[in-house]
């Protein structure tokens, strides 16, 4: 199945499949009633400590990826997401302005590896 990435502020599309929001905090300016998400998996997001340490600083990107992958390794919600991806297309939604350095990118990469290993 396909794994897409999109900012929660972007318009939904019929090709999105299941829309899964993966940030710990709800984004400013987005109403829950109109967000068009199927699932909010805040417990799969980086820990508060990691989020504060990273602070969306591109210079910390490599370290953030390593630390977040380690957090994901023990996250029970990752298995739930892997199972979902096996049965349907999903779009991982995130709120970060930085489209090149965010947790959704790392999560999508980890999911693809898990799916490849399971095949």
N, C-alpha and C. Protein backbone atom coordinates (compact mmCIF):
# COMPACT_ATOMS: atom_id res chain seq x y z
N UNK A 1 0.83 -1.18 0.00
CA UNK A 1 0.00 0.00 0.00
C UNK A 1 0.88 1.26 0.00
N UNK A 2 0.27 2.36 -0.31
CA UNK A 2 1.00 3.62 -0.43
C UNK A 2 1.00 4.40 0.88
N UNK A 3 2.12 5.10 1.12
CA UNK A 3 2.26 5.97 2.28
C UNK A 3 2.55 7.37 1.75
N UNK A 4 1.62 8.29 1.98
CA UNK A 4 1.80 9.67 1.56
C UNK A 4 2.11 10.56 2.75
N UNK A 5 2.63 11.73 2.46
CA UNK A 5 2.93 12.74 3.49
C UNK A 5 2.27 14.05 3.08
N UNK A 6 1.68 14.73 4.07
CA UNK A 6 1.00 15.98 3.76
C UNK A 6 0.89 16.80 5.03
N UNK A 7 0.97 18.11 4.88
CA UNK A 7 0.70 18.98 6.03
C UNK A 7 -0.80 18.96 6.30
N UNK A 8 -1.15 19.02 7.56
CA UNK A 8 -2.57 18.99 7.94
C UNK A 8 -3.30 20.22 7.40
N UNK A 9 -2.57 21.26 7.06
CA UNK A 9 -3.15 22.48 6.52
C UNK A 9 -3.50 22.35 5.04
N UNK A 10 -2.96 21.32 4.37
CA UNK A 10 -3.23 21.10 2.95
C UNK A 10 -4.62 20.49 2.76
N UNK A 11 -5.19 20.74 1.59
CA UNK A 11 -6.52 20.21 1.30
C UNK A 11 -6.49 18.69 1.22
N UNK A 12 -7.52 18.05 1.77
CA UNK A 12 -7.63 16.60 1.61
C UNK A 12 -7.88 16.23 0.14
N UNK A 13 -7.51 15.02 -0.19
CA UNK A 13 -7.70 14.52 -1.54
C UNK A 13 -8.34 13.14 -1.46
N UNK A 14 -9.06 12.76 -2.49
CA UNK A 14 -9.68 11.43 -2.49
C UNK A 14 -8.63 10.33 -2.56
N UNK A 15 -7.41 10.67 -2.95
CA UNK A 15 -6.33 9.68 -3.04
C UNK A 15 -5.55 9.55 -1.73
N UNK A 16 -5.94 10.27 -0.69
CA UNK A 16 -5.21 10.24 0.58
C UNK A 16 -5.33 8.90 1.30
N UNK A 17 -6.40 8.18 1.10
CA UNK A 17 -6.63 6.98 1.89
C UNK A 17 -6.94 7.38 3.31
N UNK A 18 -6.52 6.58 4.28
CA UNK A 18 -6.71 6.94 5.70
C UNK A 18 -5.78 8.09 6.03
N UNK A 19 -6.32 9.10 6.67
CA UNK A 19 -5.54 10.28 7.04
C UNK A 19 -5.20 10.19 8.52
N UNK A 20 -3.89 10.08 8.81
CA UNK A 20 -3.42 9.85 10.17
C UNK A 20 -2.53 11.02 10.60
N UNK A 21 -2.99 11.74 11.62
CA UNK A 21 -2.23 12.88 12.15
C UNK A 21 -1.27 12.36 13.21
N UNK A 22 0.02 12.70 13.10
CA UNK A 22 1.05 12.08 13.94
C UNK A 22 1.85 13.07 14.80
N UNK A 23 1.26 14.19 15.14
CA UNK A 23 1.91 15.15 16.04
C UNK A 23 1.31 15.03 17.44
N UNK A 24 2.10 15.34 18.42
CA UNK A 24 1.66 15.25 19.82
C UNK A 24 0.68 16.37 20.17
N UNK A 25 0.88 17.54 19.58
CA UNK A 25 0.04 18.71 19.87
C UNK A 25 -0.88 19.01 18.69
N UNK A 26 -2.10 19.42 18.99
CA UNK A 26 -3.03 19.79 17.94
C UNK A 26 -2.57 21.12 17.33
N UNK A 27 -2.60 21.24 16.00
CA UNK A 27 -2.09 22.45 15.33
C UNK A 27 -3.00 23.67 15.51
N UNK A 28 -2.37 24.80 15.58
CA UNK A 28 -3.10 26.06 15.69
C UNK A 28 -3.88 26.32 14.41
N UNK A 29 -5.05 26.86 14.57
CA UNK A 29 -5.84 27.28 13.43
C UNK A 29 -6.58 26.16 12.71
N UNK A 30 -6.53 24.95 13.23
CA UNK A 30 -7.23 23.83 12.60
C UNK A 30 -8.32 23.36 13.55
N UNK A 31 -9.55 23.37 13.08
CA UNK A 31 -10.65 22.89 13.89
C UNK A 31 -10.72 21.37 13.79
N UNK A 32 -10.88 20.73 14.91
CA UNK A 32 -10.97 19.26 14.91
C UNK A 32 -12.16 18.79 14.09
N UNK A 33 -13.21 19.56 14.10
CA UNK A 33 -14.43 19.16 13.39
C UNK A 33 -14.27 19.22 11.87
N UNK A 34 -13.29 19.98 11.39
CA UNK A 34 -13.11 20.11 9.94
C UNK A 34 -11.74 19.63 9.46
N UNK A 35 -11.01 18.94 10.32
CA UNK A 35 -9.64 18.53 9.99
C UNK A 35 -9.57 17.37 9.00
N UNK A 36 -10.67 16.65 8.84
CA UNK A 36 -10.70 15.51 7.93
C UNK A 36 -9.61 14.49 8.22
N UNK A 37 -9.48 14.11 9.48
CA UNK A 37 -8.54 13.05 9.83
C UNK A 37 -9.33 11.82 10.25
N UNK A 38 -8.74 10.66 10.01
CA UNK A 38 -9.36 9.41 10.44
C UNK A 38 -8.84 8.97 11.80
N UNK A 39 -7.62 9.38 12.11
CA UNK A 39 -7.00 8.94 13.35
C UNK A 39 -5.93 9.94 13.79
N UNK A 40 -5.92 10.25 15.07
CA UNK A 40 -4.86 11.08 15.64
C UNK A 40 -4.01 10.18 16.52
N UNK A 41 -2.77 9.92 16.07
CA UNK A 41 -1.86 9.05 16.81
C UNK A 41 -0.79 9.90 17.50
N UNK A 42 -1.20 10.63 18.53
CA UNK A 42 -0.26 11.51 19.22
C UNK A 42 0.81 10.74 19.98
N UNK A 43 0.52 9.48 20.34
CA UNK A 43 1.50 8.70 21.09
C UNK A 43 2.59 8.10 20.22
N UNK A 44 2.50 8.28 18.91
CA UNK A 44 3.57 7.83 18.02
C UNK A 44 4.51 9.00 17.70
N UNK A 45 4.14 10.18 18.12
CA UNK A 45 4.96 11.38 17.90
C UNK A 45 6.19 11.34 18.79
N UNK A 46 7.20 12.13 18.45
CA UNK A 46 8.39 12.21 19.32
C UNK A 46 8.00 12.66 20.73
N UNK A 47 8.75 12.20 21.70
CA UNK A 47 8.51 12.61 23.09
C UNK A 47 8.67 14.12 23.22
N UNK A 48 8.09 14.66 24.26
CA UNK A 48 8.23 16.10 24.51
C UNK A 48 9.70 16.50 24.64
N UNK A 49 10.48 15.67 25.34
CA UNK A 49 11.91 15.97 25.50
C UNK A 49 12.62 16.04 24.15
N UNK A 50 12.35 15.08 23.28
CA UNK A 50 12.99 15.06 21.97
C UNK A 50 12.51 16.23 21.12
N UNK A 51 11.24 16.50 21.17
CA UNK A 51 10.67 17.61 20.40
C UNK A 51 11.29 18.93 20.80
N UNK A 52 11.42 19.14 22.10
CA UNK A 52 12.02 20.39 22.59
C UNK A 52 13.50 20.46 22.23
N UNK A 53 14.20 19.34 22.33
CA UNK A 53 15.63 19.32 21.99
C UNK A 53 15.83 19.66 20.52
N UNK A 54 15.05 19.03 19.65
CA UNK A 54 15.20 19.24 18.20
C UNK A 54 14.85 20.67 17.81
N UNK A 55 13.70 21.15 18.26
CA UNK A 55 13.26 22.53 18.00
C UNK A 55 13.31 22.90 16.52
N UNK A 56 13.13 21.92 15.65
CA UNK A 56 13.14 22.11 14.20
C UNK A 56 14.40 22.81 13.68
N UNK A 57 15.53 22.50 14.32
CA UNK A 57 16.81 23.05 13.89
C UNK A 57 17.45 22.07 12.91
N UNK A 58 17.59 22.45 11.63
CA UNK A 58 18.15 21.53 10.63
C UNK A 58 19.51 20.94 11.02
N UNK A 59 20.30 21.66 11.78
CA UNK A 59 21.60 21.16 12.22
C UNK A 59 21.50 19.96 13.15
N UNK A 60 20.36 19.77 13.75
CA UNK A 60 20.13 18.64 14.66
C UNK A 60 19.38 17.49 13.98
N UNK A 61 19.15 17.60 12.68
CA UNK A 61 18.33 16.64 11.95
C UNK A 61 18.85 15.21 12.06
N UNK A 62 20.13 15.00 11.85
CA UNK A 62 20.69 13.64 11.92
C UNK A 62 20.48 13.04 13.31
N UNK A 63 20.77 13.81 14.33
CA UNK A 63 20.59 13.34 15.70
C UNK A 63 19.13 13.09 16.03
N UNK A 64 18.25 13.95 15.52
CA UNK A 64 16.82 13.77 15.75
C UNK A 64 16.34 12.45 15.13
N UNK A 65 16.77 12.19 13.91
CA UNK A 65 16.34 10.96 13.24
C UNK A 65 16.75 9.72 14.04
N UNK A 66 17.97 9.70 14.50
CA UNK A 66 18.46 8.55 15.28
C UNK A 66 17.67 8.38 16.58
N UNK A 67 17.46 9.48 17.28
CA UNK A 67 16.76 9.42 18.56
C UNK A 67 15.28 9.05 18.37
N UNK A 68 14.66 9.58 17.33
CA UNK A 68 13.25 9.28 17.10
C UNK A 68 13.08 7.83 16.65
N UNK A 69 13.99 7.34 15.82
CA UNK A 69 13.93 5.92 15.42
C UNK A 69 14.04 5.01 16.65
N UNK A 70 14.88 5.41 17.58
CA UNK A 70 15.03 4.63 18.81
C UNK A 70 13.73 4.64 19.62
N UNK A 71 13.08 5.80 19.71
CA UNK A 71 11.79 5.88 20.39
C UNK A 71 10.74 5.02 19.68
N UNK A 72 10.74 5.04 18.36
CA UNK A 72 9.77 4.26 17.60
C UNK A 72 9.97 2.76 17.78
N UNK A 73 11.22 2.37 17.99
CA UNK A 73 11.53 0.95 18.12
C UNK A 73 10.74 0.30 19.25
N UNK A 74 10.46 1.03 20.29
CA UNK A 74 9.71 0.47 21.40
C UNK A 74 8.27 0.95 21.47
N UNK A 75 7.76 1.54 20.41
CA UNK A 75 6.42 2.14 20.43
C UNK A 75 5.38 1.15 19.93
N UNK A 76 4.44 0.78 20.80
CA UNK A 76 3.42 -0.20 20.43
C UNK A 76 2.48 0.32 19.34
N UNK A 77 2.37 1.61 19.19
CA UNK A 77 1.49 2.18 18.18
C UNK A 77 2.06 2.03 16.77
N UNK A 78 3.37 1.82 16.68
CA UNK A 78 3.98 1.59 15.38
C UNK A 78 3.43 0.31 14.76
N UNK A 79 3.25 -0.72 15.55
CA UNK A 79 2.70 -1.98 15.04
C UNK A 79 1.28 -1.79 14.51
N UNK A 80 0.52 -0.96 15.20
CA UNK A 80 -0.84 -0.64 14.77
C UNK A 80 -0.83 0.05 13.41
N UNK A 81 0.10 0.97 13.25
CA UNK A 81 0.21 1.71 11.99
C UNK A 81 0.70 0.80 10.87
N UNK A 82 1.64 -0.08 11.17
CA UNK A 82 2.13 -1.04 10.17
C UNK A 82 0.97 -1.91 9.68
N UNK A 83 0.16 -2.40 10.60
CA UNK A 83 -0.99 -3.23 10.23
C UNK A 83 -1.96 -2.45 9.35
N UNK A 84 -2.16 -1.18 9.65
CA UNK A 84 -3.06 -0.36 8.86
C UNK A 84 -2.54 -0.20 7.44
N UNK A 85 -1.25 0.05 7.31
CA UNK A 85 -0.65 0.26 6.00
C UNK A 85 -0.71 -1.01 5.14
N UNK A 86 -0.71 -2.15 5.78
CA UNK A 86 -0.80 -3.41 5.03
C UNK A 86 -2.15 -3.58 4.36
N UNK A 87 -3.18 -2.88 4.87
CA UNK A 87 -4.52 -3.07 4.33
C UNK A 87 -5.08 -1.88 3.56
N UNK A 88 -4.45 -0.72 3.67
CA UNK A 88 -4.99 0.45 2.99
C UNK A 88 -3.90 1.50 2.76
N UNK A 89 -4.13 2.39 1.83
CA UNK A 89 -3.24 3.54 1.64
C UNK A 89 -3.45 4.49 2.81
N UNK A 90 -2.38 5.15 3.21
CA UNK A 90 -2.50 6.16 4.26
C UNK A 90 -1.76 7.43 3.85
N UNK A 91 -2.18 8.51 4.43
CA UNK A 91 -1.46 9.77 4.33
C UNK A 91 -1.12 10.20 5.75
N UNK A 92 0.16 10.36 6.00
CA UNK A 92 0.64 10.81 7.31
C UNK A 92 0.58 12.33 7.31
N UNK A 93 -0.17 12.86 8.25
CA UNK A 93 -0.34 14.30 8.36
C UNK A 93 0.52 14.85 9.49
N UNK A 94 1.11 16.01 9.24
CA UNK A 94 1.95 16.69 10.23
C UNK A 94 1.69 18.18 10.14
N UNK A 95 2.11 18.93 11.15
CA UNK A 95 1.83 20.37 11.14
C UNK A 95 3.06 21.24 10.92
N UNK A 96 4.24 20.66 10.95
CA UNK A 96 5.47 21.43 10.83
C UNK A 96 5.52 22.25 9.54
N UNK A 97 6.06 23.45 9.64
CA UNK A 97 6.28 24.27 8.44
C UNK A 97 7.43 23.71 7.61
N UNK A 98 8.37 23.06 8.27
CA UNK A 98 9.54 22.50 7.60
C UNK A 98 9.17 21.16 6.97
N UNK A 99 9.07 21.14 5.67
CA UNK A 99 8.64 19.95 4.95
C UNK A 99 9.78 18.96 4.69
N UNK A 100 11.00 19.32 5.08
CA UNK A 100 12.16 18.44 4.85
C UNK A 100 12.73 17.86 6.14
N UNK A 101 12.38 18.44 7.27
CA UNK A 101 12.93 18.01 8.56
C UNK A 101 11.80 17.91 9.58
N UNK A 102 11.09 16.79 9.58
CA UNK A 102 10.01 16.61 10.56
C UNK A 102 9.80 15.14 10.87
N UNK A 103 9.08 14.88 11.94
CA UNK A 103 8.88 13.51 12.41
C UNK A 103 8.12 12.63 11.42
N UNK A 104 7.24 13.20 10.63
CA UNK A 104 6.46 12.42 9.67
C UNK A 104 7.36 11.76 8.62
N UNK A 105 8.41 12.44 8.22
CA UNK A 105 9.36 11.89 7.26
C UNK A 105 10.04 10.66 7.83
N UNK A 106 10.50 10.77 9.05
CA UNK A 106 11.17 9.65 9.71
C UNK A 106 10.20 8.50 9.89
N UNK A 107 8.99 8.79 10.33
CA UNK A 107 7.98 7.75 10.54
C UNK A 107 7.66 7.03 9.24
N UNK A 108 7.51 7.75 8.15
CA UNK A 108 7.23 7.12 6.85
C UNK A 108 8.36 6.20 6.44
N UNK A 109 9.60 6.62 6.65
CA UNK A 109 10.76 5.79 6.30
C UNK A 109 10.77 4.51 7.14
N UNK A 110 10.50 4.64 8.43
CA UNK A 110 10.46 3.47 9.32
C UNK A 110 9.35 2.51 8.88
N UNK A 111 8.20 3.05 8.54
CA UNK A 111 7.09 2.21 8.08
C UNK A 111 7.46 1.44 6.82
N UNK A 112 8.10 2.10 5.89
CA UNK A 112 8.50 1.45 4.64
C UNK A 112 9.49 0.32 4.90
N UNK A 113 10.40 0.53 5.83
CA UNK A 113 11.37 -0.51 6.19
C UNK A 113 10.65 -1.69 6.84
N UNK A 114 9.72 -1.41 7.75
CA UNK A 114 8.96 -2.47 8.42
C UNK A 114 8.14 -3.28 7.41
N UNK A 115 7.55 -2.61 6.45
CA UNK A 115 6.76 -3.30 5.43
C UNK A 115 7.64 -4.17 4.53
N UNK A 116 8.81 -3.64 4.18
CA UNK A 116 9.74 -4.39 3.35
C UNK A 116 10.25 -5.62 4.10
N UNK A 117 10.55 -5.46 5.38
CA UNK A 117 11.04 -6.59 6.20
C UNK A 117 9.97 -7.67 6.35
N UNK A 118 8.69 -7.24 6.40
CA UNK A 118 7.59 -8.18 6.59
C UNK A 118 7.24 -8.94 5.32
N UNK A 119 7.68 -8.41 4.17
CA UNK A 119 7.34 -9.04 2.88
C UNK A 119 8.14 -10.29 2.59
